[in-house]
C-alpha atoms as a PDB file:
ATOM      1  CA  MET A   1     117.762 102.318 114.633  1.00  0.00           C
ATOM      2  CA  LYS A   2     116.751 106.087 114.548  1.00  0.00           C
ATOM      3  CA  THR A   3     115.614 105.927 111.104  1.00  0.00           C
ATOM      4  CA  ALA A   4     113.153 102.759 112.214  1.00  0.00           C
ATOM      5  CA  LEU A   5     111.977 104.670 115.523  1.00  0.00           C
ATOM      6  CA  LYS A   6     111.352 107.794 113.217  1.00  0.00           C
ATOM      7  CA  THR A   7     109.468 105.276 110.951  1.00  0.00           C
ATOM      8  CA  LEU A   8     107.370 104.069 113.407  1.00  0.00           C
ATOM      9  CA  ALA A   9     106.452 107.000 114.951  1.00  0.00           C
ATOM     10  CA  GLY A  10     105.070 108.574 111.780  1.00  0.00           C
ATOM     11  CA  ALA A  11     102.936 105.420 111.411  1.00  0.00           C
ATOM     12  CA  LEU A  12     101.680 105.939 114.985  1.00  0.00           C
ATOM     13  CA  LEU A  13     100.667 109.532 114.590  1.00  0.00           C
ATOM     14  CA  VAL A  14      98.639 108.479 111.282  1.00  0.00           C
ATOM     15  CA  ILE A  15      95.281 106.858 112.523  1.00  0.00           C
ATOM     16  CA  SER A  16      93.401 105.069 109.647  1.00  0.00           C
ATOM     17  CA  LEU A  17      89.937 105.899 109.438  1.00  0.00           C
ATOM     18  CA  ALA A  18      88.731 104.594 106.138  1.00  0.00           C
ATOM     19  CA  ALA A  19      91.842 105.849 104.580  1.00  0.00           C
ATOM     20  CA  CYS A  20      91.248 109.268 105.889  1.00  0.00           C
ATOM     21  CA  THR A  21      93.322 112.285 107.410  1.00  0.00           C
ATOM     22  CA  SER A  22      92.292 111.616 111.124  1.00  0.00           C
ATOM     23  CA  VAL A  23      93.028 114.694 113.218  1.00  0.00           C
ATOM     24  CA  HIS A  24      90.732 114.352 116.536  1.00  0.00           C
ATOM     25  CA  PRO A  25      88.369 117.377 117.094  1.00  0.00           C
ATOM     26  CA  LYS A  26      90.470 118.141 120.120  1.00  0.00           C
ATOM     27  CA  GLY A  27      93.781 117.377 118.598  1.00  0.00           C
ATOM     28  CA  SER A  28      96.626 120.265 119.483  1.00  0.00           C
ATOM     29  CA  ARG A  29      98.382 122.354 117.106  1.00  0.00           C
ATOM     30  CA  ALA A  30     101.217 120.092 117.358  1.00  0.00           C
ATOM     31  CA  ASP A  31      99.016 116.841 116.792  1.00  0.00           C
ATOM     32  CA  LEU A  32      97.992 118.364 113.635  1.00  0.00           C
ATOM     33  CA  LEU A  33     101.450 119.256 112.349  1.00  0.00           C
ATOM     34  CA  ALA A  34     102.299 115.651 113.173  1.00  0.00           C
ATOM     35  CA  VAL A  35      99.714 114.225 111.319  1.00  0.00           C
ATOM     36  CA  LEU A  36     100.478 116.192 108.333  1.00  0.00           C
ATOM     37  CA  SER A  37     104.042 115.689 108.410  1.00  0.00           C
ATOM     38  CA  ALA A  38     103.468 111.852 108.774  1.00  0.00           C
ATOM     39  CA  ARG A  39     101.272 111.783 105.994  1.00  0.00           C
ATOM     40  CA  THR A  40     103.734 113.716 103.534  1.00  0.00           C
ATOM     41  CA  GLU A  41     106.480 111.257 104.888  1.00  0.00           C
ATOM     42  CA  ALA A  42     104.436 108.578 103.485  1.00  0.00           C
ATOM     43  CA  GLY A  43     104.370 110.220 100.095  1.00  0.00           C
ATOM     44  CA  GLU A  44     100.330 110.935 100.513  1.00  0.00           C
ATOM     45  CA  ILE A  45      98.798 114.138  99.520  1.00  0.00           C
ATOM     46  CA  LEU A  46      95.432 115.380 100.935  1.00  0.00           C
ATOM     47  CA  TYR A  47      92.750 116.482  98.652  1.00  0.00           C
ATOM     48  CA  GLY A  48      90.657 119.456  99.419  1.00  0.00           C
ATOM     49  CA  HIS A  49      88.279 121.556  98.031  1.00  0.00           C
ATOM     50  CA  GLN A  50      86.524 124.918  99.121  1.00  0.00           C
ATOM     51  CA  ASP A  51      82.827 125.568 100.750  1.00  0.00           C
ATOM     52  CA  ASP A  52      82.223 121.984  99.849  1.00  0.00           C
ATOM     53  CA  LEU A  53      79.840 121.190 102.462  1.00  0.00           C
ATOM     54  CA  SER A  54      77.990 124.384 102.341  1.00  0.00           C
ATOM     55  CA  TYR A  55      76.874 124.457  98.621  1.00  0.00           C
ATOM     56  CA  GLY A  56      77.491 122.567  95.503  1.00  0.00           C
ATOM     57  CA  HIS A  57      77.260 123.242  91.575  1.00  0.00           C
ATOM     58  CA  SER A  58      73.449 123.152  91.704  1.00  0.00           C
ATOM     59  CA  TRP A  59      72.478 123.301  95.347  1.00  0.00           C
ATOM     60  CA  GLN A  60      73.123 124.924  98.753  1.00  0.00           C
ATOM     61  CA  VAL A  61      72.399 124.455 102.589  1.00  0.00           C
ATOM     62  CA  THR A  62      69.667 126.741 103.607  1.00  0.00           C
ATOM     63  CA  ASP A  63      68.513 125.439 106.722  1.00  0.00           C
ATOM     64  CA  TRP A  64      72.148 125.247 108.198  1.00  0.00           C
ATOM     65  CA  GLU A  65      70.811 124.764 112.098  1.00  0.00           C
ATOM     66  CA  ASN A  66      68.975 121.508 111.162  1.00  0.00           C
ATOM     67  CA  ASP A  67      70.724 120.406 108.101  1.00  0.00           C
ATOM     68  CA  PRO A  68      73.256 117.400 108.786  1.00  0.00           C
ATOM     69  CA  LEU A  69      75.666 118.611 106.254  1.00  0.00           C
ATOM     70  CA  GLU A  70      76.331 115.252 104.573  1.00  0.00           C
ATOM     71  CA  ARG A  71      75.888 116.450 100.953  1.00  0.00           C
ATOM     72  CA  SER A  72      79.026 117.228  99.019  1.00  0.00           C
ATOM     73  CA  ASP A  73      79.930 117.428  94.989  1.00  0.00           C
ATOM     74  CA  VAL A  74      83.179 115.703  95.852  1.00  0.00           C
ATOM     75  CA  LYS A  75      81.520 113.047  97.785  1.00  0.00           C
ATOM     76  CA  ASP A  76      78.397 112.543  95.228  1.00  0.00           C
ATOM     77  CA  VAL A  77      81.332 111.625  92.299  1.00  0.00           C
ATOM     78  CA  SER A  78      83.710 109.939  94.690  1.00  0.00           C
ATOM     79  CA  GLY A  79      81.863 108.385  97.549  1.00  0.00           C
ATOM     80  CA  ARG A  80      84.279 110.351  99.747  1.00  0.00           C
ATOM     81  CA  TYR A  81      84.616 113.672 101.666  1.00  0.00           C
ATOM     82  CA  PRO A  82      87.808 115.716 100.515  1.00  0.00           C
ATOM     83  CA  ALA A  83      90.188 115.437 103.259  1.00  0.00           C
ATOM     84  CA  VAL A  84      90.642 119.162 103.399  1.00  0.00           C
ATOM     85  CA  LEU A  85      87.866 121.892 103.230  1.00  0.00           C
ATOM     86  CA  GLY A  86      88.362 125.353 102.941  1.00  0.00           C
ATOM     87  CA  PHE A  87      86.530 128.675 104.000  1.00  0.00           C
ATOM     88  CA  ASP A  88      86.840 132.131 103.873  1.00  0.00           C
ATOM     89  CA  LEU A  89      86.332 134.441 106.237  1.00  0.00           C
ATOM     90  CA  GLY A  90      85.618 137.821 104.380  1.00  0.00           C
ATOM     91  CA  GLY A  91      83.044 139.944 105.646  1.00  0.00           C
ATOM     92  CA  ILE A  92      83.955 138.758 109.389  1.00  0.00           C
ATOM     93  CA  GLU A  93      85.618 141.986 109.733  1.00  0.00           C
ATOM     94  CA  LEU A  94      82.724 144.000 109.682  1.00  0.00           C
ATOM     95  CA  GLY A  95      80.255 141.913 111.618  1.00  0.00           C
ATOM     96  CA  ASP A  96      78.239 140.462 108.869  1.00  0.00           C
ATOM     97  CA  SER A  97      76.263 137.319 109.253  1.00  0.00           C
ATOM     98  CA  CYS A  98      77.568 136.003 105.856  1.00  0.00           C
ATOM     99  CA  ASN A  99      80.748 135.815 103.976  1.00  0.00           C
ATOM    100  CA  LEU A 100      81.604 137.476 100.782  1.00  0.00           C
ATOM    101  CA  ASP A 101      80.380 134.386  99.111  1.00  0.00           C
ATOM    102  CA  GLY A 102      76.877 134.740 100.853  1.00  0.00           C
ATOM    103  CA  VAL A 103      77.579 131.690 103.266  1.00  0.00           C
ATOM    104  CA  PRO A 104      76.151 132.375 106.889  1.00  0.00           C
ATOM    105  CA  PHE A 105      79.362 132.533 109.625  1.00  0.00           C
ATOM    106  CA  GLY A 106      77.119 129.865 111.506  1.00  0.00           C
ATOM    107  CA  LEU A 107      77.350 127.443 108.727  1.00  0.00           C
ATOM    108  CA  ILE A 108      80.782 128.111 108.353  1.00  0.00           C
ATOM    109  CA  ARG A 109      81.401 127.306 112.113  1.00  0.00           C
ATOM    110  CA  LYS A 110      79.144 124.127 111.898  1.00  0.00           C
ATOM    111  CA  ALA A 111      80.399 122.728 108.763  1.00  0.00           C
ATOM    112  CA  ALA A 112      84.163 123.171 109.902  1.00  0.00           C
ATOM    113  CA  LEU A 113      83.119 121.665 112.930  1.00  0.00           C
ATOM    114  CA  THR A 114      81.245 118.895 111.417  1.00  0.00           C
ATOM    115  CA  HIS A 115      84.547 118.223 108.867  1.00  0.00           C
ATOM    116  CA  ILE A 116      86.872 118.141 111.900  1.00  0.00           C
ATOM    117  CA  GLY A 117      84.576 115.510 113.437  1.00  0.00           C
ATOM    118  CA  ARG A 118      84.698 113.366 110.367  1.00  0.00           C
ATOM    119  CA  GLY A 119      88.592 113.134 110.910  1.00  0.00           C
ATOM    120  CA  GLY A 120      89.100 116.093 108.274  1.00  0.00           C
ATOM    121  CA  VAL A 121      91.336 119.240 108.050  1.00  0.00           C
ATOM    122  CA  VAL A 122      89.925 122.853 107.745  1.00  0.00           C
ATOM    123  CA  THR A 123      91.839 125.934 106.352  1.00  0.00           C
ATOM    124  CA  PHE A 124      90.837 129.172 106.169  1.00  0.00           C
ATOM    125  CA  SER A 125      91.784 132.414 103.935  1.00  0.00           C
ATOM    126  CA  TRP A 126      90.477 135.541 104.457  1.00  0.00           C
ATOM    127  CA  HIS A 127      89.599 138.486 101.769  1.00  0.00           C
ATOM    128  CA  PRO A 128      88.645 141.478 104.168  1.00  0.00           C
ATOM    129  CA  ARG A 129      87.520 144.436 102.673  1.00  0.00           C
ATOM    130  CA  ASN A 130      89.601 147.669 102.322  1.00  0.00           C
ATOM    131  CA  PRO A 131      89.945 149.487 105.467  1.00  0.00           C
ATOM    132  CA  LEU A 132      90.855 152.619 103.932  1.00  0.00           C
ATOM    133  CA  THR A 133      88.649 153.187 100.748  1.00  0.00           C
ATOM    134  CA  GLY A 134      85.699 151.008 101.774  1.00  0.00           C
ATOM    135  CA  GLY A 135      85.869 148.974  98.685  1.00  0.00           C
ATOM    136  CA  ASP A 136      86.484 145.080  98.535  1.00  0.00           C
ATOM    137  CA  ALA A 137      89.787 143.343  98.759  1.00  0.00           C
ATOM    138  CA  TRP A 138      90.504 143.811  95.151  1.00  0.00           C
ATOM    139  CA  ASP A 139      89.835 147.873  95.526  1.00  0.00           C
ATOM    140  CA  ILE A 140      93.812 148.721  94.653  1.00  0.00           C
ATOM    141  CA  SER A 141      92.580 152.243  94.154  1.00  0.00           C
ATOM    142  CA  SER A 142      95.244 153.278  96.903  1.00  0.00           C
ATOM    143  CA  ASP A 143      98.816 152.162  97.749  1.00  0.00           C
ATOM    144  CA  GLU A 144      98.525 153.361 101.262  1.00  0.00           C
ATOM    145  CA  VAL A 145      96.240 151.071 102.672  1.00  0.00           C
ATOM    146  CA  VAL A 146      98.850 148.383 104.396  1.00  0.00           C
ATOM    147  CA  TRP A 147     100.659 151.429 105.733  1.00  0.00           C
ATOM    148  CA  SER A 148      97.036 152.974 107.295  1.00  0.00           C
ATOM    149  CA  VAL A 149      96.434 149.773 109.158  1.00  0.00           C
ATOM    150  CA  LEU A 150     100.070 149.427 110.732  1.00  0.00           C
ATOM    151  CA  PRO A 151     100.763 151.201 114.251  1.00  0.00           C
ATOM    152  CA  GLY A 152     100.419 154.962 113.820  1.00  0.00           C
ATOM    153  CA  GLY A 153      98.256 154.680 110.760  1.00  0.00           C
ATOM    154  CA  ASP A 154      94.897 156.449 110.247  1.00  0.00           C
ATOM    155  CA  ARG A 155      93.238 153.032 110.261  1.00  0.00           C
ATOM    156  CA  HIS A 156      95.117 151.114 112.794  1.00  0.00           C
ATOM    157  CA  ASP A 157      92.634 151.009 115.678  1.00  0.00           C
ATOM    158  CA  GLU A 158      89.705 149.852 113.299  1.00  0.00           C
ATOM    159  CA  PHE A 159      91.838 147.528 111.618  1.00  0.00           C
ATOM    160  CA  MET A 160      92.450 146.191 115.359  1.00  0.00           C
ATOM    161  CA  LEU A 161      88.951 145.608 115.761  1.00  0.00           C
ATOM    162  CA  TRP A 162      88.719 143.576 112.243  1.00  0.00           C
ATOM    163  CA  LEU A 163      91.565 141.441 113.679  1.00  0.00           C
ATOM    164  CA  GLN A 164      89.507 141.063 116.821  1.00  0.00           C
ATOM    165  CA  ARG A 165      86.231 139.870 114.700  1.00  0.00           C
ATOM    166  CA  ALA A 166      88.579 137.276 113.017  1.00  0.00           C
ATOM    167  CA  ALA A 167      89.953 135.850 116.017  1.00  0.00           C
ATOM    168  CA  ASP A 168      86.723 135.933 117.863  1.00  0.00           C
ATOM    169  CA  PHE A 169      85.250 133.400 115.137  1.00  0.00           C
ATOM    170  CA  ILE A 170      88.384 131.224 115.085  1.00  0.00           C
ATOM    171  CA  GLU A 171      88.175 130.961 119.133  1.00  0.00           C
ATOM    172  CA  SER A 172      84.618 130.399 118.687  1.00  0.00           C
ATOM    173  CA  LEU A 173      85.460 126.865 116.959  1.00  0.00           C
ATOM    174  CA  GLY A 174      86.841 125.494 120.305  1.00  0.00           C
ATOM    175  CA  ASP A 175      89.637 123.265 121.288  1.00  0.00           C
ATOM    176  CA  VAL A 176      90.399 122.378 117.456  1.00  0.00           C
ATOM    177  CA  SER A 177      93.310 123.098 115.429  1.00  0.00           C
ATOM    178  CA  VAL A 178      93.058 124.723 112.068  1.00  0.00           C
ATOM    179  CA  ILE A 179      94.985 126.237 108.882  1.00  0.00           C
ATOM    180  CA  PHE A 180      95.038 129.869 108.232  1.00  0.00           C
ATOM    181  CA  ARG A 181      96.759 131.691 105.685  1.00  0.00           C
ATOM    182  CA  PRO A 182      95.847 135.367 105.627  1.00  0.00           C
ATOM    183  CA  TRP A 183      97.500 138.213 103.074  1.00  0.00           C
ATOM    184  CA  HIS A 184      97.816 135.472 100.449  1.00  0.00           C
ATOM    185  CA  GLU A 185      98.725 136.109  96.540  1.00  0.00           C
ATOM    186  CA  ASN A 186     100.910 138.862  97.911  1.00  0.00           C
ATOM    187  CA  ILE A 187     103.384 138.836  94.903  1.00  0.00           C
ATOM    188  CA  GLY A 188     100.546 139.652  92.536  1.00  0.00           C
ATOM    189  CA  SER A 189      98.804 143.310  92.610  1.00  0.00           C
ATOM    190  CA  TRP A 190      95.330 142.451  92.782  1.00  0.00           C
ATOM    191  CA  PHE A 191      94.701 142.547  96.659  1.00  0.00           C
ATOM    192  CA  TRP A 192      95.060 145.780  98.650  1.00  0.00           C
ATOM    193  CA  TRP A 193      97.907 144.167 100.178  1.00  0.00           C
ATOM    194  CA  GLY A 194      99.622 142.943  97.039  1.00  0.00           C
ATOM    195  CA  TRP A 195     102.933 143.674  95.526  1.00  0.00           C
ATOM    196  CA  ARG A 196     102.869 147.133  93.903  1.00  0.00           C
ATOM    197  CA  LEU A 197     100.516 148.156  96.822  1.00  0.00           C
ATOM    198  CA  CYS A 198     102.931 148.189  99.460  1.00  0.00           C
ATOM    199  CA  SER A 199     106.514 147.816 100.368  1.00  0.00           C
ATOM    200  CA  ALA A 200     108.144 144.437 101.382  1.00  0.00           C
ATOM    201  CA  ARG A 201     108.647 145.666 104.863  1.00  0.00           C
ATOM    202  CA  GLU A 202     104.990 146.975 105.351  1.00  0.00           C
ATOM    203  CA  TYR A 203     103.600 143.345 104.172  1.00  0.00           C
ATOM    204  CA  GLN A 204     105.870 141.672 106.577  1.00  0.00           C
ATOM    205  CA  GLU A 205     104.522 143.962 109.376  1.00  0.00           C
ATOM    206  CA  LEU A 206     100.827 143.197 108.423  1.00  0.00           C
ATOM    207  CA  TYR A 207     101.311 139.441 108.611  1.00  0.00           C
ATOM    208  CA  ARG A 208     103.278 139.564 111.795  1.00  0.00           C
ATOM    209  CA  MET A 209     101.012 142.032 113.314  1.00  0.00           C
ATOM    210  CA  THR A 210      98.002 139.407 112.463  1.00  0.00           C
ATOM    211  CA  TRP A 211     100.060 136.792 113.941  1.00  0.00           C
ATOM    212  CA  THR A 212     101.068 138.802 117.217  1.00  0.00           C
ATOM    213  CA  TYR A 213      97.399 139.409 117.882  1.00  0.00           C
ATOM    214  CA  PHE A 214      96.082 136.088 117.405  1.00  0.00           C
ATOM    215  CA  THR A 215      98.984 134.207 118.919  1.00  0.00           C
ATOM    216  CA  SER A 216     100.288 136.492 122.022  1.00  0.00           C
ATOM    217  CA  ASP A 217      97.443 138.982 122.489  1.00  0.00           C
ATOM    218  CA  ARG A 218      94.365 136.487 122.144  1.00  0.00           C
ATOM    219  CA  GLY A 219      96.380 133.449 123.192  1.00  0.00           C
ATOM    220  CA  LEU A 220      95.128 131.103 119.942  1.00  0.00           C
ATOM    221  CA  LYS A 221      97.642 128.635 119.949  1.00  0.00           C
ATOM    222  CA  ASN A 222      95.820 126.037 117.869  1.00  0.00           C
ATOM    223  CA  ILE A 223      96.555 127.657 114.384  1.00  0.00           C
ATOM    224  CA  LEU A 224      99.132 126.818 111.624  1.00  0.00           C
ATOM    225  CA  TRP A 225     100.066 129.525 109.730  1.00  0.00           C
ATOM    226  CA  CYS A 226     100.382 129.132 105.719  1.00  0.00           C
ATOM    227  CA  TYR A 227     102.134 131.853 103.831  1.00  0.00           C
ATOM    228  CA  SER A 228     101.045 131.559 100.461  1.00  0.00           C
ATOM    229  CA  PRO A 229     101.879 133.912  97.380  1.00  0.00           C
ATOM    230  CA  ASN A 230     100.663 133.285  93.998  1.00  0.00           C
ATOM    231  CA  GLY A 231     102.975 131.421  91.640  1.00  0.00           C
ATOM    232  CA  PRO A 232     104.821 130.818  89.810  1.00  0.00           C
ATOM    233  CA  VAL A 233     107.524 132.906  90.900  1.00  0.00           C
ATOM    234  CA  VAL A 234     111.352 132.379  91.548  1.00  0.00           C
ATOM    235  CA  GLU A 235     112.711 131.814  94.936  1.00  0.00           C
ATOM    236  CA  ALA A 236     114.105 135.728  95.380  1.00  0.00           C
ATOM    237  CA  ASP A 237     110.359 136.930  94.736  1.00  0.00           C
ATOM    238  CA  TYR A 238     108.912 134.068  96.854  1.00  0.00           C
ATOM    239  CA  LEU A 239     111.072 135.177 100.140  1.00  0.00           C
ATOM    240  CA  SER A 240     111.093 138.978  99.150  1.00  0.00           C
ATOM    241  CA  ARG A 241     108.013 139.231 101.516  1.00  0.00           C
ATOM    242  CA  TYR A 242     108.327 136.448 103.950  1.00  0.00           C
ATOM    243  CA  PRO A 243     107.381 137.122 107.246  1.00  0.00           C
ATOM    244  CA  GLY A 244     109.694 134.804 108.886  1.00  0.00           C
ATOM    245  CA  ASP A 245     110.527 130.996 109.983  1.00  0.00           C
ATOM    246  CA  ASP A 246     109.203 132.024 113.645  1.00  0.00           C
ATOM    247  CA  ILE A 247     105.776 132.616 112.585  1.00  0.00           C
ATOM    248  CA  VAL A 248     105.103 130.334 109.408  1.00  0.00           C
ATOM    249  CA  ASP A 249     104.161 126.495 109.596  1.00  0.00           C
ATOM    250  CA  ILE A 250     103.286 125.747 105.898  1.00  0.00           C
ATOM    251  CA  LEU A 251     104.903 127.295 102.710  1.00  0.00           C
ATOM    252  CA  GLY A 252     101.873 127.618 100.057  1.00  0.00           C
ATOM    253  CA  THR A 253     101.302 128.558  96.386  1.00  0.00           C
ATOM    254  CA  ASP A 254      98.279 129.666  94.676  1.00  0.00           C
ATOM    255  CA  ILE A 255      98.490 128.701  91.215  1.00  0.00           C
ATOM    256  CA  TYR A 256      95.398 128.186  88.654  1.00  0.00           C
ATOM    257  CA  GLU A 257      95.211 126.930  85.153  1.00  0.00           C
ATOM    258  CA  TYR A 258      93.988 129.848  82.553  1.00  0.00           C
ATOM    259  CA  VAL A 259      93.148 128.379  78.919  1.00  0.00           C
ATOM    260  CA  GLY A 260      92.167 131.671  77.427  1.00  0.00           C
ATOM    261  CA  GLU A 261      92.699 131.268  73.682  1.00  0.00           C
ATOM    262  CA  ASP A 262      95.473 128.520  74.150  1.00  0.00           C
ATOM    263  CA  TRP A 263      94.924 125.381  73.014  1.00  0.00           C
ATOM    264  CA  LEU A 264      93.983 123.025  76.156  1.00  0.00           C
ATOM    265  CA  ASP A 265      96.906 120.692  75.678  1.00  0.00           C
ATOM    266  CA  ALA A 266      99.581 123.637  75.500  1.00  0.00           C
ATOM    267  CA  ALA A 267      97.467 125.145  78.432  1.00  0.00           C
ATOM    268  CA  GLY A 268      98.259 121.903  80.371  1.00  0.00           C
ATOM    269  CA  ILE A 269     101.929 121.289  79.658  1.00  0.00           C
ATOM    270  CA  ARG A 270     102.342 124.832  80.878  1.00  0.00           C
ATOM    271  CA  PHE A 271     100.462 124.618  84.007  1.00  0.00           C
ATOM    272  CA  GLY A 272     101.995 121.318  84.939  1.00  0.00           C
ATOM    273  CA  GLY A 273     105.203 122.549  84.381  1.00  0.00           C
ATOM    274  CA  GLN A 274     104.494 125.733  86.215  1.00  0.00           C
ATOM    275  CA  VAL A 275     103.360 123.614  89.253  1.00  0.00           C
ATOM    276  CA  LYS A 276     106.023 120.976  88.988  1.00  0.00           C
ATOM    277  CA  GLU A 277     108.735 123.660  89.339  1.00  0.00           C
ATOM    278  CA  GLN A 278     106.930 125.916  92.018  1.00  0.00           C
ATOM    279  CA  LEU A 279     106.628 122.853  94.014  1.00  0.00           C
ATOM    280  CA  ALA A 280     110.136 121.273  93.710  1.00  0.00           C
ATOM    281  CA  GLY A 281     111.278 124.958  94.813  1.00  0.00           C
ATOM    282  CA  LEU A 282     109.153 124.971  97.864  1.00  0.00           C
ATOM    283  CA  LYS A 283     110.221 121.324  98.899  1.00  0.00           C
ATOM    284  CA  LYS A 284     113.819 122.827  98.772  1.00  0.00           C
ATOM    285  CA  LEU A 285     112.861 125.928 100.761  1.00  0.00           C
ATOM    286  CA  ALA A 286     110.608 123.813 103.254  1.00  0.00           C
ATOM    287  CA  ALA A 287     113.775 121.153 103.613  1.00  0.00           C
ATOM    288  CA  GLU A 288     115.884 124.218 104.403  1.00  0.00           C
ATOM    289  CA  ARG A 289     113.453 125.961 106.944  1.00  0.00           C
ATOM    290  CA  GLY A 290     111.658 122.572 108.299  1.00  0.00           C
ATOM    291  CA  LYS A 291     108.174 123.519 107.150  1.00  0.00           C
ATOM    292  CA  LEU A 292     105.635 121.830 105.283  1.00  0.00           C
ATOM    293  CA  PHE A 293     104.349 123.126 101.859  1.00  0.00           C
ATOM    294  CA  CYS A 294     101.125 122.923  99.741  1.00  0.00           C
ATOM    295  CA  LEU A 295      99.610 123.565  96.781  1.00  0.00           C
ATOM    296  CA  SER A 296      97.328 125.962  98.554  1.00  0.00           C
ATOM    297  CA  GLU A 297      94.943 126.922  95.964  1.00  0.00           C
ATOM    298  CA  THR A 298      94.541 125.750  92.269  1.00  0.00           C
ATOM    299  CA  GLY A 299      92.018 124.601  89.597  1.00  0.00           C
ATOM    300  CA  LEU A 300      90.679 124.587  86.074  1.00  0.00           C
ATOM    301  CA  GLU A 301      87.682 126.912  86.128  1.00  0.00           C
ATOM    302  CA  GLY A 302      84.541 124.870  84.224  1.00  0.00           C
ATOM    303  CA  LEU A 303      86.974 121.546  83.782  1.00  0.00           C
ATOM    304  CA  VAL A 304      86.864 122.315  80.169  1.00  0.00           C
ATOM    305  CA  ASP A 305      89.625 119.607  79.846  1.00  0.00           C
ATOM    306  CA  PRO A 306      88.172 116.234  80.221  1.00  0.00           C
ATOM    307  CA  GLN A 307      91.412 114.772  81.617  1.00  0.00           C
ATOM    308  CA  TRP A 308      92.604 117.419  83.739  1.00  0.00           C
ATOM    309  CA  TRP A 309      92.606 115.420  87.049  1.00  0.00           C
ATOM    310  CA  THR A 310      94.660 112.494  85.582  1.00  0.00           C
ATOM    311  CA  GLY A 311      96.526 114.163  82.798  1.00  0.00           C
ATOM    312  CA  VAL A 312      97.479 117.422  84.073  1.00  0.00           C
ATOM    313  CA  LEU A 313      96.902 117.835  87.765  1.00  0.00           C
ATOM    314  CA  TYR A 314      98.165 114.427  89.008  1.00  0.00           C
ATOM    315  CA  PRO A 315     101.367 114.016  87.127  1.00  0.00           C
ATOM    316  CA  ALA A 316     102.169 117.861  88.334  1.00  0.00           C
ATOM    317  CA  ILE A 317     101.898 116.690  92.122  1.00  0.00           C
ATOM    318  CA  GLN A 318     102.755 113.337  92.189  1.00  0.00           C
ATOM    319  CA  SER A 319     105.934 112.473  94.477  1.00  0.00           C
ATOM    320  CA  SER A 320     105.875 116.298  94.685  1.00  0.00           C
ATOM    321  CA  GLY A 321     105.923 116.010  98.728  1.00  0.00           C
ATOM    322  CA  SER A 322     102.914 118.641  99.073  1.00  0.00           C
ATOM    323  CA  CYS A 323     101.113 118.009 102.179  1.00  0.00           C
ATOM    324  CA  TYR A 324      97.656 118.836 100.567  1.00  0.00           C
ATOM    325  CA  VAL A 325      96.168 120.345  97.590  1.00  0.00           C
ATOM    326  CA  LEU A 326      92.936 122.329  97.202  1.00  0.00           C
ATOM    327  CA  THR A 327      90.706 123.267  94.461  1.00  0.00           C
ATOM    328  CA  TRP A 328      88.634 126.035  94.366  1.00  0.00           C
ATOM    329  CA  ARG A 329      84.770 126.362  94.756  1.00  0.00           C
ATOM    330  CA  ASN A 330      81.549 125.210  92.587  1.00  0.00           C
ATOM    331  CA  ALA A 331      79.345 128.144  93.173  1.00  0.00           C
ATOM    332  CA  HIS A 332      75.509 127.463  93.500  1.00  0.00           C
ATOM    333  CA  ASP A 333      74.671 130.703  91.471  1.00  0.00           C
ATOM    334  CA  LYS A 334      77.302 130.882  88.823  1.00  0.00           C
ATOM    335  CA  PRO A 335      77.001 127.790  86.230  1.00  0.00           C
ATOM    336  CA  GLY A 336      80.416 128.168  84.972  1.00  0.00           C
ATOM    337  CA  HIS A 337      82.354 128.726  88.111  1.00  0.00           C
ATOM    338  CA  PHE A 338      83.126 125.495  89.364  1.00  0.00           C
ATOM    339  CA  TYR A 339      86.369 123.727  90.116  1.00  0.00           C
ATOM    340  CA  ALA A 340      85.280 120.273  91.202  1.00  0.00           C
ATOM    341  CA  PRO A 341      82.973 117.835  89.373  1.00  0.00           C
ATOM    342  CA  TRP A 342      79.546 116.894  90.419  1.00  0.00           C
ATOM    343  CA  LYS A 343      76.933 114.165  90.008  1.00  0.00           C
ATOM    344  CA  GLY A 344      75.946 113.872  86.544  1.00  0.00           C
ATOM    345  CA  PHE A 345      78.964 116.158  85.095  1.00  0.00           C
ATOM    346  CA  GLU A 346      80.067 114.473  81.920  1.00  0.00           C
ATOM    347  CA  ASN A 347      83.633 114.102  82.679  1.00  0.00           C
ATOM    348  CA  ALA A 348      83.257 112.956  86.544  1.00  0.00           C
ATOM    349  CA  ALA A 349      84.816 109.611  85.948  1.00  0.00           C
ATOM    350  CA  ASP A 350      88.342 111.371  85.343  1.00  0.00           C
ATOM    351  CA  PHE A 351      87.940 112.786  88.995  1.00  0.00           C
ATOM    352  CA  LYS A 352      86.798 109.544  90.351  1.00  0.00           C
ATOM    353  CA  GLU A 353      89.769 108.004  88.950  1.00  0.00           C
ATOM    354  CA  PHE A 354      92.233 110.643  90.289  1.00  0.00           C
ATOM    355  CA  THR A 355      90.765 110.212  93.991  1.00  0.00           C
ATOM    356  CA  GLU A 356      91.279 106.684  93.639  1.00  0.00           C
ATOM    357  CA  LYS A 357      95.143 106.859  93.245  1.00  0.00           C
ATOM    358  CA  GLU A 358      96.763 105.299  96.433  1.00  0.00           C
ATOM    359  CA  ASP A 359      98.589 108.637  97.121  1.00  0.00           C
ATOM    360  CA  ILE A 360      95.669 110.900  97.083  1.00  0.00           C
ATOM    361  CA  ILE A 361      93.823 111.002 100.069  1.00  0.00           C
ATOM    362  CA  LEU A 362      90.053 111.782 101.117  1.00  0.00           C
ATOM    363  CA  LEU A 363      88.047 110.838 104.105  1.00  0.00           C
END
């Protein structure tokens, strides 16, 4: 009886809207968590794309205040919008009008609310500047940056202003719920908060300080927090800097396929194996800790494998239990920097076939 009631409750939580992820724009954090959980229990994986409504491979929104934001590379190929839409807040900390990729924050706000209004889920990453050196997020010239922004550090007060500006933006979205995954790819050492740039304790304090300011100081209760190290990594490394079950809602991982000089089939086999193994490990951890998990960033730049979607990615994530998978952006100003097809792309049919899988969910 309990199992039947649980199944019924899960079914009632999923509101069907043309087979989309339906989260009411005024839905609470608990509502978003419940819908994601119900979709996951049903064996479904939400597909996401970074910056999808803001620009595409050969276009960009310019007059964003008047644009209805109906263009999408994913929609041009599949006929549907992605279920998950990713944005980055890099630049918000400086009070800039555009993020690090040149997207106006006004457009990001409008696109996020438009997507949620269509029944979609929004996730935010953040590549803030280096508060100690003045460089970008990839400036790893000092291993004292994280220490400098913690309480007692030389840059703490300035950094709290950065947190305020980021929180101001989230607050400006109003009464909607979003996913936030700050300080990502922290097991690598290419960001100033990375593995060799700070101690495990310093990283945990950075994440917890961010969570405390947003949640306790600012009262932003509409956020699901995602912890997303780069993968593949073993469980011990994954958990070595884990900030705590009390502040993390989703366990994520960022894994990209890099072809380099390898043959495509060898690269695909390696990548697929890495993803399957990492998601299996996250499934175990998620079950133990009562969390959801996801493939928070992935992709193959340039999609040089003509069957990457159905031949590599789908077999790697099928029946994994991941609540969503997000591929990176299609840069309008860098022709080879794209991770989803567009209308006219020679291998677009493979992506469309991927999106038509029963367990892959778009709007």
